Every structure is written in C-alpha cells, then in structure tokens.
C-alpha atoms as a PDB file:
ATOM      1  CA  UNK A   1     -71.045  76.775  59.600  1.00  0.00           C
ATOM      2  CA  UNK A   2     -67.297  77.411  59.932  1.00  0.00           C
ATOM      3  CA  UNK A   3     -64.673  75.449  58.062  1.00  0.00           C
ATOM      4  CA  UNK A   4     -62.259  73.689  60.412  1.00  0.00           C
ATOM      5  CA  UNK A   5     -58.591  74.298  59.603  1.00  0.00           C
ATOM      6  CA  UNK A   6     -55.685  72.271  61.008  1.00  0.00           C
ATOM      7  CA  UNK A   7     -52.100  73.361  60.359  1.00  0.00           C
ATOM      8  CA  UNK A   8     -48.842  71.432  60.395  1.00  0.00           C
ATOM      9  CA  UNK A   9     -45.728  73.531  60.938  1.00  0.00           C
ATOM     10  CA  UNK A  10     -44.861  76.259  63.450  1.00  0.00           C
ATOM     11  CA  UNK A  11     -41.885  77.957  61.818  1.00  0.00           C
ATOM     12  CA  UNK A  12     -41.280  81.563  60.811  1.00  0.00           C
ATOM     13  CA  UNK A  13     -43.765  81.853  57.954  1.00  0.00           C
ATOM     14  CA  UNK A  14     -46.502  79.841  59.678  1.00  0.00           C
ATOM     15  CA  UNK A  15     -47.364  82.890  61.792  1.00  0.00           C
ATOM     16  CA  UNK A  16     -48.578  84.718  58.689  1.00  0.00           C
ATOM     17  CA  UNK A  17     -50.796  81.738  57.864  1.00  0.00           C
ATOM     18  CA  UNK A  18     -52.349  81.399  61.330  1.00  0.00           C
ATOM     19  CA  UNK A  19     -52.859  85.153  61.672  1.00  0.00           C
ATOM     20  CA  UNK A  20     -54.671  85.229  58.326  1.00  0.00           C
ATOM     21  CA  UNK A  21     -56.798  82.173  59.097  1.00  0.00           C
ATOM     22  CA  UNK A  22     -57.966  83.750  62.344  1.00  0.00           C
ATOM     23  CA  UNK A  23     -59.152  86.847  60.463  1.00  0.00           C
ATOM     24  CA  UNK A  24     -61.229  84.930  57.884  1.00  0.00           C
ATOM     25  CA  UNK A  25     -64.747  84.922  59.276  1.00  0.00           C
ATOM     26  CA  UNK A  26     -65.917  81.511  58.093  1.00  0.00           C
ATOM     27  CA  UNK A  27     -62.836  79.661  59.381  1.00  0.00           C
ATOM     28  CA  UNK A  28     -62.049  78.090  62.745  1.00  0.00           C
ATOM     29  CA  UNK A  29     -58.417  77.066  63.339  1.00  0.00           C
ATOM     30  CA  UNK A  30     -58.843  74.009  65.542  1.00  0.00           C
ATOM     31  CA  UNK A  31     -55.323  72.594  65.897  1.00  0.00           C
ATOM     32  CA  UNK A  32     -51.634  72.921  65.156  1.00  0.00           C
ATOM     33  CA  UNK A  33     -49.014  70.188  64.817  1.00  0.00           C
ATOM     34  CA  UNK A  34     -45.230  70.381  65.012  1.00  0.00           C
ATOM     35  CA  UNK A  35     -42.508  67.937  66.025  1.00  0.00           C
ATOM     36  CA  UNK A  36     -41.228  70.592  68.429  1.00  0.00           C
ATOM     37  CA  UNK A  37     -44.016  70.708  71.015  1.00  0.00           C
ATOM     38  CA  UNK A  38     -42.590  73.746  72.784  1.00  0.00           C
ATOM     39  CA  UNK A  39     -42.679  75.753  69.560  1.00  0.00           C
ATOM     40  CA  UNK A  40     -46.131  74.400  68.740  1.00  0.00           C
ATOM     41  CA  UNK A  41     -47.499  75.449  72.131  1.00  0.00           C
ATOM     42  CA  UNK A  42     -45.948  78.906  71.789  1.00  0.00           C
ATOM     43  CA  UNK A  43     -47.455  79.360  68.313  1.00  0.00           C
ATOM     44  CA  UNK A  44     -50.846  78.073  69.468  1.00  0.00           C
ATOM     45  CA  UNK A  45     -50.893  80.488  72.401  1.00  0.00           C
ATOM     46  CA  UNK A  46     -49.919  83.415  70.187  1.00  0.00           C
ATOM     47  CA  UNK A  47     -52.755  82.735  67.731  1.00  0.00           C
ATOM     48  CA  UNK A  48     -55.417  81.379  70.058  1.00  0.00           C
ATOM     49  CA  UNK A  49     -55.377  77.837  68.664  1.00  0.00           C
ATOM     50  CA  UNK A  50     -56.928  75.388  71.159  1.00  0.00           C
ATOM     51  CA  UNK A  51     -55.263  72.054  70.365  1.00  0.00           C
ATOM     52  CA  UNK A  52     -51.595  71.109  69.946  1.00  0.00           C
ATOM     53  CA  UNK A  53     -50.163  67.844  68.585  1.00  0.00           C
ATOM     54  CA  UNK A  54     -46.765  66.425  67.731  1.00  0.00           C
ATOM     55  CA  UNK A  55     -48.215  63.623  65.570  1.00  0.00           C
ATOM     56  CA  UNK A  56     -49.842  64.697  62.321  1.00  0.00           C
ATOM     57  CA  UNK A  57     -52.069  61.635  61.864  1.00  0.00           C
ATOM     58  CA  UNK A  58     -53.340  61.905  65.447  1.00  0.00           C
ATOM     59  CA  UNK A  59     -54.300  65.539  64.871  1.00  0.00           C
ATOM     60  CA  UNK A  60     -56.263  64.646  61.749  1.00  0.00           C
ATOM     61  CA  UNK A  61     -58.038  61.741  63.458  1.00  0.00           C
ATOM     62  CA  UNK A  62     -59.013  63.854  66.461  1.00  0.00           C
ATOM     63  CA  UNK A  63     -60.109  67.038  64.649  1.00  0.00           C
ATOM     64  CA  UNK A  64     -61.455  65.880  61.234  1.00  0.00           C
ATOM     65  CA  UNK A  65     -60.596  69.204  59.543  1.00  0.00           C
ATOM     66  CA  UNK A  66     -62.116  70.573  56.355  1.00  0.00           C
ATOM     67  CA  UNK A  67     -58.828  72.208  55.309  1.00  0.00           C
ATOM     68  CA  UNK A  68     -55.284  71.031  56.061  1.00  0.00           C
ATOM     69  CA  UNK A  69     -52.533  73.646  55.776  1.00  0.00           C
ATOM     70  CA  UNK A  70     -49.003  72.246  55.278  1.00  0.00           C
ATOM     71  CA  UNK A  71     -46.498  74.939  56.310  1.00  0.00           C
ATOM     72  CA  UNK A  72     -43.193  73.038  56.485  1.00  0.00           C
ATOM     73  CA  UNK A  73     -39.951  72.815  54.449  1.00  0.00           C
ATOM     74  CA  UNK A  74     -40.309  71.220  50.990  1.00  0.00           C
ATOM     75  CA  UNK A  75     -38.544  67.940  51.818  1.00  0.00           C
ATOM     76  CA  UNK A  76     -41.398  67.033  54.178  1.00  0.00           C
ATOM     77  CA  UNK A  77     -44.292  67.799  51.841  1.00  0.00           C
ATOM     78  CA  UNK A  78     -44.743  64.478  50.065  1.00  0.00           C
ATOM     79  CA  UNK A  79     -44.813  62.443  53.272  1.00  0.00           C
ATOM     80  CA  UNK A  80     -47.243  64.870  54.922  1.00  0.00           C
ATOM     81  CA  UNK A  81     -49.442  64.894  51.833  1.00  0.00           C
ATOM     82  CA  UNK A  82     -49.630  61.099  51.944  1.00  0.00           C
ATOM     83  CA  UNK A  83     -50.922  61.289  55.526  1.00  0.00           C
ATOM     84  CA  UNK A  84     -53.272  64.179  54.758  1.00  0.00           C
ATOM     85  CA  UNK A  85     -54.905  62.311  51.882  1.00  0.00           C
ATOM     86  CA  UNK A  86     -56.399  59.857  54.370  1.00  0.00           C
ATOM     87  CA  UNK A  87     -58.588  62.700  55.650  1.00  0.00           C
ATOM     88  CA  UNK A  88     -61.603  63.981  53.744  1.00  0.00           C
ATOM     89  CA  UNK A  89     -60.210  67.512  53.482  1.00  0.00           C
ATOM     90  CA  UNK A  90     -58.899  70.077  51.031  1.00  0.00           C
ATOM     91  CA  UNK A  91     -55.120  70.428  51.268  1.00  0.00           C
ATOM     92  CA  UNK A  92     -53.040  73.579  50.951  1.00  0.00           C
ATOM     93  CA  UNK A  93     -49.251  73.229  50.726  1.00  0.00           C
ATOM     94  CA  UNK A  94     -46.542  75.852  50.991  1.00  0.00           C
ATOM     95  CA  UNK A  95     -44.121  76.369  48.138  1.00  0.00           C
ATOM     96  CA  UNK A  96     -41.660  75.142  47.036  1.00  0.00           C
ATOM     97  CA  UNK A  97     -44.157  72.345  46.449  1.00  0.00           C
ATOM     98  CA  UNK A  98     -41.463  69.654  46.370  1.00  0.00           C
ATOM     99  CA  UNK A  99     -37.687  69.307  45.969  1.00  0.00           C
ATOM    100  CA  UNK A 100     -37.997  68.290  42.294  1.00  0.00           C
ATOM    101  CA  UNK A 101     -40.481  68.525  39.444  1.00  0.00           C
ATOM    102  CA  UNK A 102     -40.801  64.722  39.443  1.00  0.00           C
ATOM    103  CA  UNK A 103     -41.704  64.795  43.141  1.00  0.00           C
ATOM    104  CA  UNK A 104     -44.310  67.499  42.533  1.00  0.00           C
ATOM    105  CA  UNK A 105     -45.881  65.571  39.666  1.00  0.00           C
ATOM    106  CA  UNK A 106     -46.080  62.475  41.852  1.00  0.00           C
ATOM    107  CA  UNK A 107     -47.777  64.484  44.626  1.00  0.00           C
ATOM    108  CA  UNK A 108     -50.367  65.883  42.220  1.00  0.00           C
ATOM    109  CA  UNK A 109     -51.082  62.366  40.934  1.00  0.00           C
ATOM    110  CA  UNK A 110     -51.507  61.137  44.524  1.00  0.00           C
ATOM    111  CA  UNK A 111     -54.068  63.832  45.292  1.00  0.00           C
ATOM    112  CA  UNK A 112     -55.956  63.287  42.043  1.00  0.00           C
ATOM    113  CA  UNK A 113     -56.109  59.541  42.664  1.00  0.00           C
ATOM    114  CA  UNK A 114     -57.885  60.312  45.952  1.00  0.00           C
ATOM    115  CA  UNK A 115     -60.047  63.033  44.334  1.00  0.00           C
ATOM    116  CA  UNK A 116     -58.838  65.634  46.847  1.00  0.00           C
ATOM    117  CA  UNK A 117     -58.700  69.411  46.324  1.00  0.00           C
ATOM    118  CA  UNK A 118     -54.978  70.249  46.410  1.00  0.00           C
ATOM    119  CA  UNK A 119     -53.657  73.830  46.281  1.00  0.00           C
ATOM    120  CA  UNK A 120     -50.295  75.571  46.499  1.00  0.00           C
ATOM    121  CA  UNK A 121     -49.966  78.559  48.827  1.00  0.00           C
ATOM    122  CA  UNK A 122     -48.660  81.040  46.229  1.00  0.00           C
ATOM    123  CA  UNK A 123     -49.360  84.490  47.638  1.00  0.00           C
ATOM    124  CA  UNK A 124     -47.329  86.837  45.405  1.00  0.00           C
ATOM    125  CA  UNK A 125     -50.035  87.144  42.741  1.00  0.00           C
ATOM    126  CA  UNK A 126     -52.336  88.325  45.554  1.00  0.00           C
ATOM    127  CA  UNK A 127     -50.066  91.184  46.589  1.00  0.00           C
ATOM    128  CA  UNK A 128     -52.151  94.337  46.105  1.00  0.00           C
ATOM    129  CA  UNK A 129     -49.715  96.092  43.756  1.00  0.00           C
ATOM    130  CA  UNK A 130     -49.847  93.154  41.332  1.00  0.00           C
ATOM    131  CA  UNK A 131     -53.639  92.967  41.580  1.00  0.00           C
ATOM    132  CA  UNK A 132     -53.751  96.682  40.696  1.00  0.00           C
ATOM    133  CA  UNK A 133     -51.185  96.308  37.894  1.00  0.00           C
ATOM    134  CA  UNK A 134     -53.255  93.444  36.460  1.00  0.00           C
ATOM    135  CA  UNK A 135     -56.374  95.652  36.487  1.00  0.00           C
ATOM    136  CA  UNK A 136     -54.478  98.449  34.719  1.00  0.00           C
ATOM    137  CA  UNK A 137     -53.103  96.078  32.087  1.00  0.00           C
ATOM    138  CA  UNK A 138     -56.554  94.582  31.513  1.00  0.00           C
ATOM    139  CA  UNK A 139     -57.839  98.144  30.909  1.00  0.00           C
ATOM    140  CA  UNK A 140     -54.987  98.665  28.396  1.00  0.00           C
ATOM    141  CA  UNK A 141     -53.701 101.608  30.439  1.00  0.00           C
ATOM    142  CA  UNK A 142     -50.301 101.413  28.728  1.00  0.00           C
ATOM    143  CA  UNK A 143     -51.381  99.700  25.510  1.00  0.00           C
ATOM    144  CA  UNK A 144     -49.648  96.537  24.363  1.00  0.00           C
ATOM    145  CA  UNK A 145     -46.889  95.644  26.860  1.00  0.00           C
ATOM    146  CA  UNK A 146     -43.410  95.619  25.340  1.00  0.00           C
ATOM    147  CA  UNK A 147     -41.332  94.582  28.332  1.00  0.00           C
ATOM    148  CA  UNK A 148     -41.283  94.042  32.071  1.00  0.00           C
ATOM    149  CA  UNK A 149     -38.259  94.029  34.333  1.00  0.00           C
ATOM    150  CA  UNK A 150     -38.023  93.306  38.030  1.00  0.00           C
ATOM    151  CA  UNK A 151     -34.920  93.990  40.126  1.00  0.00           C
ATOM    152  CA  UNK A 152     -35.031  91.587  43.082  1.00  0.00           C
ATOM    153  CA  UNK A 153     -32.975  93.181  45.870  1.00  0.00           C
ATOM    154  CA  UNK A 154     -34.137  92.107  49.373  1.00  0.00           C
ATOM    155  CA  UNK A 155     -30.637  92.536  50.845  1.00  0.00           C
ATOM    156  CA  UNK A 156     -31.049  89.624  53.280  1.00  0.00           C
ATOM    157  CA  UNK A 157     -28.486  87.186  51.907  1.00  0.00           C
ATOM    158  CA  UNK A 158     -25.124  88.527  53.053  1.00  0.00           C
ATOM    159  CA  UNK A 159     -22.485  86.714  55.106  1.00  0.00           C
ATOM    160  CA  UNK A 160     -22.353  83.501  57.154  1.00  0.00           C
ATOM    161  CA  UNK A 161     -25.573  84.265  59.054  1.00  0.00           C
ATOM    162  CA  UNK A 162     -27.746  84.842  56.003  1.00  0.00           C
ATOM    163  CA  UNK A 163     -31.338  83.592  56.503  1.00  0.00           C
ATOM    164  CA  UNK A 164     -30.555  81.912  59.853  1.00  0.00           C
ATOM    165  CA  UNK A 165     -32.900  84.101  61.890  1.00  0.00           C
ATOM    166  CA  UNK A 166     -35.951  83.238  59.757  1.00  0.00           C
ATOM    167  CA  UNK A 167     -35.565  80.175  57.546  1.00  0.00           C
ATOM    168  CA  UNK A 168     -32.169  78.528  58.169  1.00  0.00           C
ATOM    169  CA  UNK A 169     -32.862  75.677  55.743  1.00  0.00           C
ATOM    170  CA  UNK A 170     -32.374  78.253  52.957  1.00  0.00           C
ATOM    171  CA  UNK A 171     -28.609  77.889  53.458  1.00  0.00           C
ATOM    172  CA  UNK A 172     -28.736  74.160  52.665  1.00  0.00           C
ATOM    173  CA  UNK A 173     -30.878  74.311  49.535  1.00  0.00           C
ATOM    174  CA  UNK A 174     -28.881  73.177  46.492  1.00  0.00           C
ATOM    175  CA  UNK A 175     -31.340  75.075  44.293  1.00  0.00           C
ATOM    176  CA  UNK A 176     -32.207  78.322  45.994  1.00  0.00           C
ATOM    177  CA  UNK A 177     -32.808  81.601  44.151  1.00  0.00           C
ATOM    178  CA  UNK A 178     -35.129  80.259  41.459  1.00  0.00           C
ATOM    179  CA  UNK A 179     -36.572  77.276  43.349  1.00  0.00           C
ATOM    180  CA  UNK A 180     -37.414  79.202  46.519  1.00  0.00           C
ATOM    181  CA  UNK A 181     -37.849  82.834  45.403  1.00  0.00           C
ATOM    182  CA  UNK A 182     -37.850  83.104  41.628  1.00  0.00           C
ATOM    183  CA  UNK A 183     -40.834  80.759  41.324  1.00  0.00           C
ATOM    184  CA  UNK A 184     -42.956  83.565  42.822  1.00  0.00           C
ATOM    185  CA  UNK A 185     -42.057  85.770  39.873  1.00  0.00           C
ATOM    186  CA  UNK A 186     -42.602  82.984  37.352  1.00  0.00           C
ATOM    187  CA  UNK A 187     -46.170  82.778  38.647  1.00  0.00           C
ATOM    188  CA  UNK A 188     -46.567  86.559  38.850  1.00  0.00           C
ATOM    189  CA  UNK A 189     -45.290  87.105  35.311  1.00  0.00           C
ATOM    190  CA  UNK A 190     -47.732  84.471  34.034  1.00  0.00           C
ATOM    191  CA  UNK A 191     -50.555  86.172  35.959  1.00  0.00           C
ATOM    192  CA  UNK A 192     -49.734  89.583  34.494  1.00  0.00           C
ATOM    193  CA  UNK A 193     -48.507  88.801  30.971  1.00  0.00           C
ATOM    194  CA  UNK A 194     -49.719  85.325  30.051  1.00  0.00           C
ATOM    195  CA  UNK A 195     -47.966  82.105  29.219  1.00  0.00           C
ATOM    196  CA  UNK A 196     -44.198  81.774  28.872  1.00  0.00           C
ATOM    197  CA  UNK A 197     -42.861  79.986  25.801  1.00  0.00           C
ATOM    198  CA  UNK A 198     -39.059  80.315  26.118  1.00  0.00           C
ATOM    199  CA  UNK A 199     -36.511  81.184  28.801  1.00  0.00           C
ATOM    200  CA  UNK A 200     -32.821  81.997  28.998  1.00  0.00           C
ATOM    201  CA  UNK A 201     -30.912  82.182  32.272  1.00  0.00           C
ATOM    202  CA  UNK A 202     -27.479  82.866  33.749  1.00  0.00           C
ATOM    203  CA  UNK A 203     -27.415  81.899  37.446  1.00  0.00           C
ATOM    204  CA  UNK A 204     -24.577  82.036  39.958  1.00  0.00           C
ATOM    205  CA  UNK A 205     -23.737  82.199  43.664  1.00  0.00           C
ATOM    206  CA  UNK A 206     -22.414  85.313  45.391  1.00  0.00           C
ATOM    207  CA  UNK A 207     -22.463  84.218  49.053  1.00  0.00           C
ATOM    208  CA  UNK A 208     -19.996  81.329  49.577  1.00  0.00           C
ATOM    209  CA  UNK A 209     -21.678  80.395  52.871  1.00  0.00           C
ATOM    210  CA  UNK A 210     -24.750  78.878  51.197  1.00  0.00           C
ATOM    211  CA  UNK A 211     -25.168  75.865  48.911  1.00  0.00           C
ATOM    212  CA  UNK A 212     -27.358  77.187  46.111  1.00  0.00           C
ATOM    213  CA  UNK A 213     -27.403  80.060  43.649  1.00  0.00           C
ATOM    214  CA  UNK A 214     -28.418  83.468  44.994  1.00  0.00           C
ATOM    215  CA  UNK A 215     -28.067  85.681  41.901  1.00  0.00           C
ATOM    216  CA  UNK A 216     -28.872  85.619  38.218  1.00  0.00           C
ATOM    217  CA  UNK A 217     -30.558  87.152  35.215  1.00  0.00           C
ATOM    218  CA  UNK A 218     -33.503  85.398  33.568  1.00  0.00           C
ATOM    219  CA  UNK A 219     -35.123  86.335  30.252  1.00  0.00           C
ATOM    220  CA  UNK A 220     -38.747  85.321  29.633  1.00  0.00           C
ATOM    221  CA  UNK A 221     -40.378  85.257  26.202  1.00  0.00           C
ATOM    222  CA  UNK A 222     -44.164  85.421  26.462  1.00  0.00           C
ATOM    223  CA  UNK A 223     -46.507  83.738  23.988  1.00  0.00           C
ATOM    224  CA  UNK A 224     -48.652  86.793  23.269  1.00  0.00           C
ATOM    225  CA  UNK A 225     -46.313  89.774  23.367  1.00  0.00           C
ATOM    226  CA  UNK A 226     -43.240  91.197  24.979  1.00  0.00           C
ATOM    227  CA  UNK A 227     -40.291  90.042  27.004  1.00  0.00           C
ATOM    228  CA  UNK A 228     -39.625  89.854  30.730  1.00  0.00           C
ATOM    229  CA  UNK A 229     -36.406  90.137  32.716  1.00  0.00           C
ATOM    230  CA  UNK A 230     -35.832  89.048  36.293  1.00  0.00           C
ATOM    231  CA  UNK A 231     -32.570  90.610  37.459  1.00  0.00           C
ATOM    232  CA  UNK A 232     -32.070  89.083  40.890  1.00  0.00           C
ATOM    233  CA  UNK A 233     -29.654  88.885  43.739  1.00  0.00           C
ATOM    234  CA  UNK A 234     -30.415  88.506  47.429  1.00  0.00           C
ATOM    235  CA  UNK A 235     -27.351  90.375  48.712  1.00  0.00           C
ATOM    236  CA  UNK A 236     -27.983  93.884  47.375  1.00  0.00           C
ATOM    237  CA  UNK A 237     -30.798  95.995  48.769  1.00  0.00           C
ATOM    238  CA  UNK A 238     -33.041  98.657  47.236  1.00  0.00           C
ATOM    239  CA  UNK A 239     -34.606 101.893  48.403  1.00  0.00           C
ATOM    240  CA  UNK A 240     -37.503 100.999  50.704  1.00  0.00           C
ATOM    241  CA  UNK A 241     -38.606 101.346  54.301  1.00  0.00           C
ATOM    242  CA  UNK A 242     -38.914  97.547  54.363  1.00  0.00           C
ATOM    243  CA  UNK A 243     -36.799  95.883  51.682  1.00  0.00           C
ATOM    244  CA  UNK A 244     -38.854  92.677  51.991  1.00  0.00           C
ATOM    245  CA  UNK A 245     -42.206  94.374  51.256  1.00  0.00           C
ATOM    246  CA  UNK A 246     -41.966  94.174  47.466  1.00  0.00           C
ATOM    247  CA  UNK A 247     -38.405  92.709  47.482  1.00  0.00           C
ATOM    248  CA  UNK A 248     -37.488  95.043  44.625  1.00  0.00           C
ATOM    249  CA  UNK A 249     -38.890  97.317  41.969  1.00  0.00           C
ATOM    250  CA  UNK A 250     -40.659  96.740  38.641  1.00  0.00           C
ATOM    251  CA  UNK A 251     -40.845  98.645  35.355  1.00  0.00           C
ATOM    252  CA  UNK A 252     -43.433  97.812  32.674  1.00  0.00           C
ATOM    253  CA  UNK A 253     -43.176  99.567  29.309  1.00  0.00           C
ATOM    254  CA  UNK A 254     -45.925  99.499  26.699  1.00  0.00           C
ATOM    255  CA  UNK A 255     -46.987 101.054  23.421  1.00  0.00           C
ATOM    256  CA  UNK A 256     -48.869 103.879  25.165  1.00  0.00           C
ATOM    257  CA  UNK A 257     -47.096 104.338  28.466  1.00  0.00           C
ATOM    258  CA  UNK A 258     -45.138 103.050  31.455  1.00  0.00           C
ATOM    259  CA  UNK A 259     -45.981 101.616  34.887  1.00  0.00           C
ATOM    260  CA  UNK A 260     -43.498 101.556  37.751  1.00  0.00           C
ATOM    261  CA  UNK A 261     -43.627  99.836  41.156  1.00  0.00           C
ATOM    262  CA  UNK A 262     -41.261 101.042  43.873  1.00  0.00           C
ATOM    263  CA  UNK A 263     -40.035  99.320  47.033  1.00  0.00           C
ATOM    264  CA  UNK A 264     -42.712 100.904  49.220  1.00  0.00           C
ATOM    265  CA  UNK A 265     -45.593  99.482  47.203  1.00  0.00           C
ATOM    266  CA  UNK A 266     -46.284 102.754  45.369  1.00  0.00           C
ATOM    267  CA  UNK A 267     -47.337 102.675  41.722  1.00  0.00           C
ATOM    268  CA  UNK A 268     -46.492 105.339  39.165  1.00  0.00           C
ATOM    269  CA  UNK A 269     -47.765 105.768  35.618  1.00  0.00           C
ATOM    270  CA  UNK A 270     -46.698 107.837  32.643  1.00  0.00           C
ATOM    271  CA  UNK A 271     -48.490 108.198  29.343  1.00  0.00           C
ATOM    272  CA  UNK A 272     -46.311 108.204  26.223  1.00  0.00           C
ATOM    273  CA  UNK A 273     -44.704 111.644  25.962  1.00  0.00           C
ATOM    274  CA  UNK A 274     -46.073 112.677  29.362  1.00  0.00           C
ATOM    275  CA  UNK A 275     -44.918 113.178  32.938  1.00  0.00           C
ATOM    276  CA  UNK A 276     -44.845 110.414  35.547  1.00  0.00           C
ATOM    277  CA  UNK A 277     -47.518 110.644  38.257  1.00  0.00           C
ATOM    278  CA  UNK A 278     -48.284 108.495  41.265  1.00  0.00           C
ATOM    279  CA  UNK A 279     -51.214 106.159  40.728  1.00  0.00           C
ATOM    280  CA  UNK A 280     -53.357 106.124  43.852  1.00  0.00           C
ATOM    281  CA  UNK A 281     -54.837 102.839  45.057  1.00  0.00           C
ATOM    282  CA  UNK A 282     -55.616 101.398  48.473  1.00  0.00           C
ATOM    283  CA  UNK A 283     -54.023  98.480  50.264  1.00  0.00           C
ATOM    284  CA  UNK A 284     -53.481  97.303  53.827  1.00  0.00           C
ATOM    285  CA  UNK A 285     -49.994  97.264  55.328  1.00  0.00           C
ATOM    286  CA  UNK A 286     -50.848  94.246  57.468  1.00  0.00           C
ATOM    287  CA  UNK A 287     -49.627  90.664  57.606  1.00  0.00           C
ATOM    288  CA  UNK A 288     -47.201  89.697  54.855  1.00  0.00           C
ATOM    289  CA  UNK A 289     -46.601  91.956  51.823  1.00  0.00           C
ATOM    290  CA  UNK A 290     -49.833  93.933  51.702  1.00  0.00           C
ATOM    291  CA  UNK A 291     -51.814  91.180  53.457  1.00  0.00           C
ATOM    292  CA  UNK A 292     -51.335  88.847  50.510  1.00  0.00           C
ATOM    293  CA  UNK A 293     -51.415  85.722  52.695  1.00  0.00           C
ATOM    294  CA  UNK A 294     -54.898  86.729  53.878  1.00  0.00           C
ATOM    295  CA  UNK A 295     -55.981  87.393  50.286  1.00  0.00           C
ATOM    296  CA  UNK A 296     -54.546  84.073  49.086  1.00  0.00           C
ATOM    297  CA  UNK A 297     -56.178  82.045  51.850  1.00  0.00           C
ATOM    298  CA  UNK A 298     -59.490  83.870  51.426  1.00  0.00           C
ATOM    299  CA  UNK A 299     -59.395  82.945  47.729  1.00  0.00           C
ATOM    300  CA  UNK A 300     -58.733  79.302  48.571  1.00  0.00           C
ATOM    301  CA  UNK A 301     -61.571  79.215  51.122  1.00  0.00           C
ATOM    302  CA  UNK A 302     -63.897  80.586  48.446  1.00  0.00           C
ATOM    303  CA  UNK A 303     -62.738  77.861  46.057  1.00  0.00           C
ATOM    304  CA  UNK A 304     -63.336  75.152  48.658  1.00  0.00           C
ATOM    305  CA  UNK A 305     -66.772  76.463  49.633  1.00  0.00           C
ATOM    306  CA  UNK A 306     -67.996  77.039  46.079  1.00  0.00           C
ATOM    307  CA  UNK A 307     -66.189  74.137  44.394  1.00  0.00           C
ATOM    308  CA  UNK A 308     -64.419  76.642  42.123  1.00  0.00           C
ATOM    309  CA  UNK A 309     -61.198  76.040  40.219  1.00  0.00           C
ATOM    310  CA  UNK A 310     -58.072  78.022  41.087  1.00  0.00           C
ATOM    311  CA  UNK A 311     -55.002  79.157  39.142  1.00  0.00           C
ATOM    312  CA  UNK A 312     -52.941  77.952  42.107  1.00  0.00           C
ATOM    313  CA  UNK A 313     -54.348  74.453  42.233  1.00  0.00           C
ATOM    314  CA  UNK A 314     -51.430  72.043  42.405  1.00  0.00           C
ATOM    315  CA  UNK A 315     -52.198  70.756  38.893  1.00  0.00           C
ATOM    316  CA  UNK A 316     -52.114  74.290  37.447  1.00  0.00           C
ATOM    317  CA  UNK A 317     -49.042  75.154  39.523  1.00  0.00           C
ATOM    318  CA  UNK A 318     -46.985  72.419  37.861  1.00  0.00           C
ATOM    319  CA  UNK A 319     -46.545  74.773  34.902  1.00  0.00           C
ATOM    320  CA  UNK A 320     -44.509  77.120  37.115  1.00  0.00           C
ATOM    321  CA  UNK A 321     -42.259  74.230  38.080  1.00  0.00           C
ATOM    322  CA  UNK A 322     -41.792  73.204  34.445  1.00  0.00           C
ATOM    323  CA  UNK A 323     -40.637  76.760  33.697  1.00  0.00           C
ATOM    324  CA  UNK A 324     -38.377  76.657  36.770  1.00  0.00           C
ATOM    325  CA  UNK A 325     -36.788  73.443  35.477  1.00  0.00           C
ATOM    326  CA  UNK A 326     -36.222  75.045  32.068  1.00  0.00           C
ATOM    327  CA  UNK A 327     -34.486  78.006  33.738  1.00  0.00           C
ATOM    328  CA  UNK A 328     -32.021  75.724  35.497  1.00  0.00           C
ATOM    329  CA  UNK A 329     -31.448  73.785  32.274  1.00  0.00           C
ATOM    330  CA  UNK A 330     -30.800  77.021  30.380  1.00  0.00           C
ATOM    331  CA  UNK A 331     -28.267  78.162  32.947  1.00  0.00           C
ATOM    332  CA  UNK A 332     -26.549  74.769  32.843  1.00  0.00           C
ATOM    333  CA  UNK A 333     -26.364  74.565  29.041  1.00  0.00           C
ATOM    334  CA  UNK A 334     -26.125  78.245  28.107  1.00  0.00           C
ATOM    335  CA  UNK A 335     -28.944  77.997  25.586  1.00  0.00           C
ATOM    336  CA  UNK A 336     -32.510  79.292  25.350  1.00  0.00           C
ATOM    337  CA  UNK A 337     -35.057  76.640  26.339  1.00  0.00           C
ATOM    338  CA  UNK A 338     -38.648  76.222  25.096  1.00  0.00           C
ATOM    339  CA  UNK A 339     -41.266  75.315  27.686  1.00  0.00           C
END
C-alpha cells in the first residue's frame, strides 16, 4: 500500500521534492498547497499531482496524508507545523528549520508533545560524493584524518539581482551564509568526522545589496581528531561545469593519504608519498546534486515505514543549529566558542 504524501509550497526548490517523490515507488503524491493558486496548478501539472489547494488545513482534512512535506521559507514553518500536527502524519520540513534556535526548539517540543515523527529535509549528507567519502573514511583509506577544508564558491551571489531568479527571500535574510547554506556543511562535517566541540568564525558581507553575511571563514574542532575549515563566499566561483553541483571543492588530509573532491563531483585519492589518482565510483546526475533529494526522501520513507530513527530527525538536527548559533556568537565576540 502506497504512502500518501501532501506538500505545501510550490517555489523553486519544491520541484526537486515533487520530482523525487514521484520516483519513489511506494509513494503517491496526492495534493499540493500554495497560497498562489496559479503557481500551485502549474507545479501540480508539471509533476502529475491530482489535487490543488490554497488552504493547508483543508488539504489535510480532504486527503489524510501519511507524510506532510513542508517546502516553504523558514518564517512560515512554525505556523504550518502547528496545523500539520493536527493530522496523524509524519512531517518533513525544509531547512532552515526556523528563524532562530529558540523557535526550532519550540517546534521540536510541539511535535514531541503530539508524538509525531518530525524530520528535517537535510540532503547534503546524501550527496553521493559524501556517501563515498564516508565509506572511504570508515575503511581508513587515508588513516586518521588530520584536517578537512571546503572552499564554498557557487558564484551566484553577485550584484543587485543575486538570488532573485530562484529564492528571492535570500536577499532579506538577516542571517544568511551560515543559517541558509553553512548549516549544510555543519551537518556534513558531523556526518564525516564526528561531533564538533569548538568553533571559531569570522563572517562578513561582500554584496551590499543583501541583508545578511555572504562570506566568512569558520574553524571547527572535532571531538575525536582533526580540524575543519569552511572557507566560504557566494560571490566567487570555482572550476566546474555546474558551479552549484558541489558548490565548491574539498580536501581531506590524513595520516596515510589525501582525498580530494572537485566541482564536477569527481573524487581523487593519493597515498602518502604517492601520486594522485581518480577514485572511480558511480552516481546519477539527476535531480539536485547527484539526486540527493531522492536519496534523502527515500531514507525518510524507510524511517517512516520501519519506525526507524534518523540522524536528520528534528530532535537530532537541533545540534546543527546549536553549532550554527555558536558560529554567529564567535564572529560577534571574536573568541572561540565551545558547543
């Protein structure tokens, strides 16, 4: 029997969600809701979704979904969650989970009070290059990791029209680089290298046409071993056919070798004292960033069906937001912050 999915939101990124849902065999997308009915109808037609609503509660009453997918800007999430909790359904919410850590904690408490499964749609850890890197690290391919650095360079944040064609609300976010984008790498670094115990950050704004920061350098100290650097700005680009595929390049150095990710999703390895060679692995250049939305949603369906826990449950995800808050505090005070 198929799981019924109902989605709220018909903006730019929602298309990746609906496309992925339609390709998961045990799922039936029954309805879409958006305040803009014209956009909702267009999105429904594009993805073969039968029912369209402009009232969220009416959609839930009429369809009784098993999974509710919230794909809207963060300021709307708490209100939509409150409505969704009246339904007997698992709830998936896009990130940023909420405007503030306090808001996110309140949302998690709301869901737990109703005993609802509540997940965050965090797809970066499901990108195939990180899944492969994780497998290599678990096999100790480069020995004990010493350091990781990622240069975030999507090149999409220049000038007065930055982000307007996809997600215009980016321009109005008072916290932007870390809150909207950097949180992906907080989660990815935790996935690859374990828990973070201290952070140091220097954040600033390069594009005067937006409200929030769009550049910075963040230092992560991991509990087990090694250090991590996120060197980020959204104005510069990097060498790639599609600069938004990986959004940058990564270098991981360890006691016995080095791993490198380039902007085209290729992995390279070098044993200590040896020559770098490409590491072959397979992935699908479909959907978003190696079909990571499909992989993320497939994981969440499995968790719902089997009653399994998930590292991207909203409760678990709060740790990423605590680290995010520490990064902003470090940049404000100029000191290293324990988390």
